[in-house]
Amino acid sequence: MAPIGFEAFTFRKLDIEMKSAEASIFRSFENKHQLLVFLSCWYWEWVHYLIHIQTLKIKSQEEQLRRTIHQLLQSSEPSKGRSI
């Protein structure tokens, strides 16, 4: 979505990028707003999981905070080898 922006984004453009049938997206999401909400929720749940794993057995609150900040910063970096 980033290169064209949310307003110009369409399911058809996504289908072309994914080499998929347009109907496949509509089975799960009625509109692009629902897709955006789903992706946002999924992303933050994934970050929460990563933070939980990184801090699971750490007793020191200072170390938990350090690892949490590190994970948040690392999560905001684009994945290597993938274009968005």
PDB file of N, CA and C in Angstrom:
ATOM      1  N   MET A   1       0.809  -1.190   0.000  1.00  0.00           N
ATOM      2  CA  MET A   1       0.000   0.000   0.000  1.00  0.00           C
ATOM      3  C   MET A   1       0.859   1.263   0.000  1.00  0.00           C
ATOM      4  N   ALA A   2       2.036   1.210   0.552  1.00  0.00           N
ATOM      5  CA  ALA A   2       2.857   2.403   0.727  1.00  0.00           C
ATOM      6  C   ALA A   2       3.152   3.154  -0.572  1.00  0.00           C
ATOM      7  N   PRO A   3       3.522   2.495  -1.674  1.00  0.00           N
ATOM      8  CA  PRO A   3       3.863   3.254  -2.876  1.00  0.00           C
ATOM      9  C   PRO A   3       2.698   4.057  -3.460  1.00  0.00           C
ATOM     10  N   ILE A   4       1.471   3.599  -3.299  1.00  0.00           N
ATOM     11  CA  ILE A   4       0.342   4.304  -3.909  1.00  0.00           C
ATOM     12  C   ILE A   4      -0.534   5.011  -2.894  1.00  0.00           C
ATOM     13  N   GLY A   5      -0.424   4.680  -1.635  1.00  0.00           N
ATOM     14  CA  GLY A   5      -1.243   5.288  -0.597  1.00  0.00           C
ATOM     15  C   GLY A   5      -2.572   4.575  -0.420  1.00  0.00           C
ATOM     16  N   PHE A   6      -3.201   4.820   0.726  1.00  0.00           N
ATOM     17  CA  PHE A   6      -4.430   4.120   1.084  1.00  0.00           C
ATOM     18  C   PHE A   6      -5.591   4.493   0.171  1.00  0.00           C
ATOM     19  N   GLU A   7      -5.718   5.769  -0.178  1.00  0.00           N
ATOM     20  CA  GLU A   7      -6.841   6.207  -1.008  1.00  0.00           C
ATOM     21  C   GLU A   7      -6.808   5.588  -2.406  1.00  0.00           C
ATOM     22  N   ALA A   8      -5.623   5.430  -2.974  1.00  0.00           N
ATOM     23  CA  ALA A   8      -5.511   4.863  -4.322  1.00  0.00           C
ATOM     24  C   ALA A   8      -5.491   3.337  -4.315  1.00  0.00           C
ATOM     25  N   PHE A   9      -5.341   2.750  -3.145  1.00  0.00           N
ATOM     26  CA  PHE A   9      -5.301   1.297  -3.017  1.00  0.00           C
ATOM     27  C   PHE A   9      -6.656   0.697  -3.368  1.00  0.00           C
ATOM     28  N   THR A  10      -6.641  -0.379  -4.144  1.00  0.00           N
ATOM     29  CA  THR A  10      -7.865  -1.131  -4.440  1.00  0.00           C
ATOM     30  C   THR A  10      -7.562  -2.618  -4.312  1.00  0.00           C
ATOM     31  N   PHE A  11      -8.608  -3.408  -4.097  1.00  0.00           N
ATOM     32  CA  PHE A  11      -8.427  -4.857  -4.048  1.00  0.00           C
ATOM     33  C   PHE A  11      -7.921  -5.374  -5.392  1.00  0.00           C
ATOM     34  N   ARG A  12      -8.346  -4.743  -6.468  1.00  0.00           N
ATOM     35  CA  ARG A  12      -7.899  -5.167  -7.799  1.00  0.00           C
ATOM     36  C   ARG A  12      -6.377  -5.004  -7.929  1.00  0.00           C
ATOM     37  N   LYS A  13      -5.850  -3.886  -7.473  1.00  0.00           N
ATOM     38  CA  LYS A  13      -4.402  -3.662  -7.518  1.00  0.00           C
ATOM     39  C   LYS A  13      -3.667  -4.676  -6.641  1.00  0.00           C
ATOM     40  N   LEU A  14      -4.240  -4.996  -5.497  1.00  0.00           N
ATOM     41  CA  LEU A  14      -3.651  -6.007  -4.621  1.00  0.00           C
ATOM     42  C   LEU A  14      -3.655  -7.371  -5.297  1.00  0.00           C
ATOM     43  N   ASP A  15      -4.772  -7.706  -5.930  1.00  0.00           N
ATOM     44  CA  ASP A  15      -4.878  -8.992  -6.640  1.00  0.00           C
ATOM     45  C   ASP A  15      -3.841  -9.114  -7.744  1.00  0.00           C
ATOM     46  N   ILE A  16      -3.626  -8.032  -8.473  1.00  0.00           N
ATOM     47  CA  ILE A  16      -2.616  -8.047  -9.543  1.00  0.00           C
ATOM     48  C   ILE A  16      -1.233  -8.271  -8.939  1.00  0.00           C
ATOM     49  N   GLU A  17      -0.937  -7.569  -7.861  1.00  0.00           N
ATOM     50  CA  GLU A  17       0.367  -7.707  -7.188  1.00  0.00           C
ATOM     51  C   GLU A  17       0.570  -9.119  -6.652  1.00  0.00           C
ATOM     52  N   MET A  18      -0.519  -9.713  -6.122  1.00  0.00           N
ATOM     53  CA  MET A  18      -0.439 -11.053  -5.541  1.00  0.00           C
ATOM     54  C   MET A  18      -0.634 -12.153  -6.581  1.00  0.00           C
ATOM     55  N   LYS A  19      -1.007 -11.766  -7.794  1.00  0.00           N
ATOM     56  CA  LYS A  19      -1.337 -12.735  -8.847  1.00  0.00           C
ATOM     57  C   LYS A  19      -2.444 -13.669  -8.355  1.00  0.00           C
ATOM     58  N   SER A  20      -3.533 -13.053  -7.899  1.00  0.00           N
ATOM     59  CA  SER A  20      -4.647 -13.778  -7.290  1.00  0.00           C
ATOM     60  C   SER A  20      -5.957 -13.369  -7.959  1.00  0.00           C
ATOM     61  N   ALA A  21      -6.979 -14.157  -7.722  1.00  0.00           N
ATOM     62  CA  ALA A  21      -8.306 -13.814  -8.218  1.00  0.00           C
ATOM     63  C   ALA A  21      -8.928 -12.767  -7.292  1.00  0.00           C
ATOM     64  N   GLU A  22      -9.564 -11.765  -7.862  1.00  0.00           N
ATOM     65  CA  GLU A  22     -10.116 -10.673  -7.070  1.00  0.00           C
ATOM     66  C   GLU A  22     -11.118 -11.167  -6.031  1.00  0.00           C
ATOM     67  N   ALA A  23     -11.901 -12.163  -6.343  1.00  0.00           N
ATOM     68  CA  ALA A  23     -12.920 -12.657  -5.425  1.00  0.00           C
ATOM     69  C   ALA A  23     -12.320 -13.202  -4.125  1.00  0.00           C
ATOM     70  N   SER A  24     -11.083 -13.640  -4.154  1.00  0.00           N
ATOM     71  CA  SER A  24     -10.489 -14.226  -2.946  1.00  0.00           C
ATOM     72  C   SER A  24     -10.384 -13.218  -1.806  1.00  0.00           C
ATOM     73  N   ILE A  25     -10.102 -11.971  -2.098  1.00  0.00           N
ATOM     74  CA  ILE A  25      -9.997 -10.948  -1.055  1.00  0.00           C
ATOM     75  C   ILE A  25     -11.375 -10.623  -0.488  1.00  0.00           C
ATOM     76  N   PHE A  26     -12.383 -10.531  -1.352  1.00  0.00           N
ATOM     77  CA  PHE A  26     -13.722 -10.167  -0.897  1.00  0.00           C
ATOM     78  C   PHE A  26     -14.348 -11.225   0.004  1.00  0.00           C
ATOM     79  N   ARG A  27     -13.871 -12.442  -0.040  1.00  0.00           N
ATOM     80  CA  ARG A  27     -14.409 -13.467   0.852  1.00  0.00           C
ATOM     81  C   ARG A  27     -14.063 -13.175   2.300  1.00  0.00           C
ATOM     82  N   SER A  28     -12.953 -12.506   2.525  1.00  0.00           N
ATOM     83  CA  SER A  28     -12.510 -12.226   3.895  1.00  0.00           C
ATOM     84  C   SER A  28     -12.798 -10.795   4.340  1.00  0.00           C
ATOM     85  N   PHE A  29     -12.757  -9.843   3.423  1.00  0.00           N
ATOM     86  CA  PHE A  29     -12.897  -8.425   3.780  1.00  0.00           C
ATOM     87  C   PHE A  29     -13.874  -7.747   2.834  1.00  0.00           C
ATOM     88  N   GLU A  30     -14.820  -7.041   3.412  1.00  0.00           N
ATOM     89  CA  GLU A  30     -15.814  -6.352   2.593  1.00  0.00           C
ATOM     90  C   GLU A  30     -15.251  -5.100   1.948  1.00  0.00           C
ATOM     91  N   ASN A  31     -14.269  -4.472   2.603  1.00  0.00           N
ATOM     92  CA  ASN A  31     -13.703  -3.241   2.054  1.00  0.00           C
ATOM     93  C   ASN A  31     -12.265  -3.069   2.548  1.00  0.00           C
ATOM     94  N   LYS A  32     -11.600  -2.070   1.998  1.00  0.00           N
ATOM     95  CA  LYS A  32     -10.186  -1.888   2.324  1.00  0.00           C
ATOM     96  C   LYS A  32      -9.984  -1.409   3.760  1.00  0.00           C
ATOM     97  N   HIS A  33     -10.965  -0.750   4.351  1.00  0.00           N
ATOM     98  CA  HIS A  33     -10.853  -0.340   5.741  1.00  0.00           C
ATOM     99  C   HIS A  33     -10.778  -1.565   6.656  1.00  0.00           C
ATOM    100  N   GLN A  34     -11.617  -2.570   6.400  1.00  0.00           N
ATOM    101  CA  GLN A  34     -11.564  -3.792   7.203  1.00  0.00           C
ATOM    102  C   GLN A  34     -10.215  -4.489   7.049  1.00  0.00           C
ATOM    103  N   LEU A  35      -9.676  -4.492   5.849  1.00  0.00           N
ATOM    104  CA  LEU A  35      -8.356  -5.078   5.616  1.00  0.00           C
ATOM    105  C   LEU A  35      -7.294  -4.326   6.405  1.00  0.00           C
ATOM    106  N   LEU A  36      -7.347  -3.003   6.386  1.00  0.00           N
ATOM    107  CA  LEU A  36      -6.376  -2.191   7.120  1.00  0.00           C
ATOM    108  C   LEU A  36      -6.468  -2.444   8.622  1.00  0.00           C
ATOM    109  N   VAL A  37      -7.675  -2.517   9.159  1.00  0.00           N
ATOM    110  CA  VAL A  37      -7.853  -2.789  10.591  1.00  0.00           C
ATOM    111  C   VAL A  37      -7.294  -4.169  10.932  1.00  0.00           C
ATOM    112  N   PHE A  38      -7.601  -5.160  10.092  1.00  0.00           N
ATOM    113  CA  PHE A  38      -7.084  -6.513  10.327  1.00  0.00           C
ATOM    114  C   PHE A  38      -5.561  -6.523  10.335  1.00  0.00           C
ATOM    115  N   LEU A  39      -4.945  -5.905   9.334  1.00  0.00           N
ATOM    116  CA  LEU A  39      -3.481  -5.893   9.249  1.00  0.00           C
ATOM    117  C   LEU A  39      -2.858  -5.149  10.421  1.00  0.00           C
ATOM    118  N   SER A  40      -3.465  -4.058  10.852  1.00  0.00           N
ATOM    119  CA  SER A  40      -2.952  -3.308  12.006  1.00  0.00           C
ATOM    120  C   SER A  40      -3.027  -4.146  13.276  1.00  0.00           C
ATOM    121  N   CYS A  41      -4.161  -4.784  13.483  1.00  0.00           N
ATOM    122  CA  CYS A  41      -4.319  -5.641  14.675  1.00  0.00           C
ATOM    123  C   CYS A  41      -3.350  -6.819  14.638  1.00  0.00           C
ATOM    124  N   TRP A  42      -3.220  -7.429  13.472  1.00  0.00           N
ATOM    125  CA  TRP A  42      -2.310  -8.565  13.342  1.00  0.00           C
ATOM    126  C   TRP A  42      -0.881  -8.138  13.650  1.00  0.00           C
ATOM    127  N   TYR A  43      -0.475  -6.995  13.093  1.00  0.00           N
ATOM    128  CA  TYR A  43       0.887  -6.508  13.315  1.00  0.00           C
ATOM    129  C   TYR A  43       1.151  -6.299  14.803  1.00  0.00           C
ATOM    130  N   TRP A  44       0.260  -5.609  15.522  1.00  0.00           N
ATOM    131  CA  TRP A  44       0.501  -5.316  16.930  1.00  0.00           C
ATOM    132  C   TRP A  44       0.420  -6.563  17.793  1.00  0.00           C
ATOM    133  N   GLU A  45      -0.411  -7.521  17.424  1.00  0.00           N
ATOM    134  CA  GLU A  45      -0.424  -8.797  18.143  1.00  0.00           C
ATOM    135  C   GLU A  45       0.897  -9.537  17.949  1.00  0.00           C
ATOM    136  N   TRP A  46       1.441  -9.480  16.733  1.00  0.00           N
ATOM    137  CA  TRP A  46       2.731 -10.115  16.457  1.00  0.00           C
ATOM    138  C   TRP A  46       3.853  -9.444  17.268  1.00  0.00           C
ATOM    139  N   VAL A  47       3.857  -8.120  17.317  1.00  0.00           N
ATOM    140  CA  VAL A  47       4.860  -7.394  18.100  1.00  0.00           C
ATOM    141  C   VAL A  47       4.705  -7.745  19.583  1.00  0.00           C
ATOM    142  N   HIS A  48       3.482  -7.804  20.066  1.00  0.00           N
ATOM    143  CA  HIS A  48       3.235  -8.189  21.456  1.00  0.00           C
ATOM    144  C   HIS A  48       3.795  -9.573  21.747  1.00  0.00           C
ATOM    145  N   TYR A  49       3.557 -10.511  20.847  1.00  0.00           N
ATOM    146  CA  TYR A  49       4.080 -11.871  20.997  1.00  0.00           C
ATOM    147  C   TYR A  49       5.607 -11.858  21.040  1.00  0.00           C
ATOM    148  N   LEU A  50       6.241 -11.134  20.140  1.00  0.00           N
ATOM    149  CA  LEU A  50       7.702 -11.080  20.114  1.00  0.00           C
ATOM    150  C   LEU A  50       8.261 -10.493  21.403  1.00  0.00           C
ATOM    151  N   ILE A  51       7.619  -9.452  21.908  1.00  0.00           N
ATOM    152  CA  ILE A  51       8.062  -8.849  23.164  1.00  0.00           C
ATOM    153  C   ILE A  51       7.880  -9.841  24.315  1.00  0.00           C
ATOM    154  N   HIS A  52       6.763 -10.511  24.324  1.00  0.00           N
ATOM    155  CA  HIS A  52       6.506 -11.497  25.373  1.00  0.00           C
ATOM    156  C   HIS A  52       7.587 -12.582  25.372  1.00  0.00           C
ATOM    157  N   ILE A  53       7.926 -13.098  24.215  1.00  0.00           N
ATOM    158  CA  ILE A  53       8.954 -14.142  24.102  1.00  0.00           C
ATOM    159  C   ILE A  53      10.315 -13.613  24.560  1.00  0.00           C
ATOM    160  N   GLN A  54      10.631 -12.379  24.176  1.00  0.00           N
ATOM    161  CA  GLN A  54      11.935 -11.796  24.522  1.00  0.00           C
ATOM    162  C   GLN A  54      12.074 -11.501  26.015  1.00  0.00           C
ATOM    163  N   THR A  55      10.952 -11.316  26.716  1.00  0.00           N
ATOM    164  CA  THR A  55      11.024 -10.910  28.123  1.00  0.00           C
ATOM    165  C   THR A  55      10.470 -11.966  29.078  1.00  0.00           C
ATOM    166  N   LEU A  56      10.171 -13.136  28.576  1.00  0.00           N
ATOM    167  CA  LEU A  56       9.470 -14.165  29.342  1.00  0.00           C
ATOM    168  C   LEU A  56      10.149 -14.512  30.668  1.00  0.00           C
ATOM    169  N   LYS A  57      11.431 -14.766  30.667  1.00  0.00           N
ATOM    170  CA  LYS A  57      12.114 -15.219  31.885  1.00  0.00           C
ATOM    171  C   LYS A  57      13.077 -14.177  32.444  1.00  0.00           C
ATOM    172  N   ILE A  58      12.880 -12.939  32.065  1.00  0.00           N
ATOM    173  CA  ILE A  58      13.745 -11.852  32.531  1.00  0.00           C
ATOM    174  C   ILE A  58      13.134 -11.252  33.797  1.00  0.00           C
ATOM    175  N   LYS A  59      13.883 -11.281  34.855  1.00  0.00           N
ATOM    176  CA  LYS A  59      13.393 -10.767  36.150  1.00  0.00           C
ATOM    177  C   LYS A  59      13.554  -9.250  36.266  1.00  0.00           C
ATOM    178  N   SER A  60      14.645  -8.742  35.728  1.00  0.00           N
ATOM    179  CA  SER A  60      14.945  -7.321  35.848  1.00  0.00           C
ATOM    180  C   SER A  60      13.990  -6.489  34.990  1.00  0.00           C
ATOM    181  N   GLN A  61      13.306  -5.543  35.630  1.00  0.00           N
ATOM    182  CA  GLN A  61      12.404  -4.666  34.883  1.00  0.00           C
ATOM    183  C   GLN A  61      13.169  -3.784  33.904  1.00  0.00           C
ATOM    184  N   GLU A  62      14.366  -3.403  34.292  1.00  0.00           N
ATOM    185  CA  GLU A  62      15.196  -2.582  33.411  1.00  0.00           C
ATOM    186  C   GLU A  62      15.550  -3.365  32.136  1.00  0.00           C
ATOM    187  N   GLU A  63      15.915  -4.616  32.291  1.00  0.00           N
ATOM    188  CA  GLU A  63      16.246  -5.454  31.132  1.00  0.00           C
ATOM    189  C   GLU A  63      14.996  -5.731  30.293  1.00  0.00           C
ATOM    190  N   GLN A  64      13.857  -5.927  30.943  1.00  0.00           N
ATOM    191  CA  GLN A  64      12.605  -6.112  30.202  1.00  0.00           C
ATOM    192  C   GLN A  64      12.300  -4.883  29.351  1.00  0.00           C
ATOM    193  N   LEU A  65      12.464  -3.713  29.936  1.00  0.00           N
ATOM    194  CA  LEU A  65      12.228  -2.466  29.208  1.00  0.00           C
ATOM    195  C   LEU A  65      13.208  -2.321  28.047  1.00  0.00           C
ATOM    196  N   ARG A  66      14.477  -2.616  28.291  1.00  0.00           N
ATOM    197  CA  ARG A  66      15.492  -2.516  27.236  1.00  0.00           C
ATOM    198  C   ARG A  66      15.134  -3.431  26.067  1.00  0.00           C
ATOM    199  N   ARG A  67      14.751  -4.673  26.379  1.00  0.00           N
ATOM    200  CA  ARG A  67      14.405  -5.631  25.329  1.00  0.00           C
ATOM    201  C   ARG A  67      13.111  -5.238  24.606  1.00  0.00           C
ATOM    202  N   THR A  68      12.173  -4.687  25.359  1.00  0.00           N
ATOM    203  CA  THR A  68      10.925  -4.232  24.747  1.00  0.00           C
ATOM    204  C   THR A  68      11.187  -3.107  23.759  1.00  0.00           C
ATOM    205  N   ILE A  69      11.973  -2.131  24.162  1.00  0.00           N
ATOM    206  CA  ILE A  69      12.313  -1.017  23.269  1.00  0.00           C
ATOM    207  C   ILE A  69      13.065  -1.529  22.055  1.00  0.00           C
ATOM    208  N   HIS A  70      14.005  -2.418  22.271  1.00  0.00           N
ATOM    209  CA  HIS A  70      14.753  -2.993  21.155  1.00  0.00           C
ATOM    210  C   HIS A  70      13.810  -3.688  20.165  1.00  0.00           C
ATOM    211  N   GLN A  71      12.873  -4.472  20.692  1.00  0.00           N
ATOM    212  CA  GLN A  71      11.944  -5.201  19.824  1.00  0.00           C
ATOM    213  C   GLN A  71      11.030  -4.244  19.058  1.00  0.00           C
ATOM    214  N   LEU A  72      10.566  -3.184  19.714  1.00  0.00           N
ATOM    215  CA  LEU A  72       9.730  -2.197  19.031  1.00  0.00           C
ATOM    216  C   LEU A  72      10.493  -1.526  17.894  1.00  0.00           C
ATOM    217  N   LEU A  73      11.743  -1.182  18.150  1.00  0.00           N
ATOM    218  CA  LEU A  73      12.552  -0.546  17.112  1.00  0.00           C
ATOM    219  C   LEU A  73      12.859  -1.521  15.978  1.00  0.00           C
ATOM    220  N   GLN A  74      13.162  -2.748  16.317  1.00  0.00           N
ATOM    221  CA  GLN A  74      13.460  -3.758  15.302  1.00  0.00           C
ATOM    222  C   GLN A  74      12.211  -4.066  14.472  1.00  0.00           C
ATOM    223  N   SER A  75      11.038  -4.070  15.094  1.00  0.00           N
ATOM    224  CA  SER A  75       9.791  -4.370  14.394  1.00  0.00           C
ATOM    225  C   SER A  75       9.411  -3.294  13.393  1.00  0.00           C
ATOM    226  N   SER A  76       9.899  -2.080  13.607  1.00  0.00           N
ATOM    227  CA  SER A  76       9.543  -0.991  12.708  1.00  0.00           C
ATOM    228  C   SER A  76      10.427  -0.930  11.466  1.00  0.00           C
ATOM    229  N   GLU A  77      11.510  -1.721  11.448  1.00  0.00           N
ATOM    230  CA  GLU A  77      12.384  -1.748  10.281  1.00  0.00           C
ATOM    231  C   GLU A  77      11.797  -2.673   9.214  1.00  0.00           C
ATOM    232  N   PRO A  78      11.886  -2.285   7.938  1.00  0.00           N
ATOM    233  CA  PRO A  78      11.389  -3.168   6.878  1.00  0.00           C
ATOM    234  C   PRO A  78      12.157  -4.489   6.849  1.00  0.00           C
ATOM    235  N   SER A  79      11.476  -5.550   6.500  1.00  0.00           N
ATOM    236  CA  SER A  79      12.116  -6.851   6.380  1.00  0.00           C
ATOM    237  C   SER A  79      13.101  -6.832   5.228  1.00  0.00           C
ATOM    238  N   LYS A  80      14.241  -7.444   5.424  1.00  0.00           N
ATOM    239  CA  LYS A  80      15.245  -7.508   4.358  1.00  0.00           C
ATOM    240  C   LYS A  80      14.788  -8.505   3.294  1.00  0.00           C
ATOM    241  N   GLY A  81      14.980  -8.126   2.052  1.00  0.00           N
ATOM    242  CA  GLY A  81      14.651  -9.026   0.956  1.00  0.00           C
ATOM    243  C   GLY A  81      13.198  -8.972   0.523  1.00  0.00           C
ATOM    244  N   ARG A  82      12.425  -8.101   1.120  1.00  0.00           N
ATOM    245  CA  ARG A  82      11.009  -7.977   0.750  1.00  0.00           C
ATOM    246  C   ARG A  82      10.711  -6.541   0.365  1.00  0.00           C
ATOM    247  N   SER A  83       9.982  -6.373  -0.703  1.00  0.00           N
ATOM    248  CA  SER A  83       9.568  -5.016  -1.074  1.00  0.00           C
ATOM    249  C   SER A  83       8.139  -4.805  -0.636  1.00  0.00           C
ATOM    250  N   ILE A  84       7.861  -3.579  -0.223  1.00  0.00           N
ATOM    251  CA  ILE A  84       6.503  -3.255   0.215  1.00  0.00           C
ATOM    252  C   ILE A  84       5.992  -2.125  -0.633  1.00  0.00           C
TER     253      ILE A  84
END
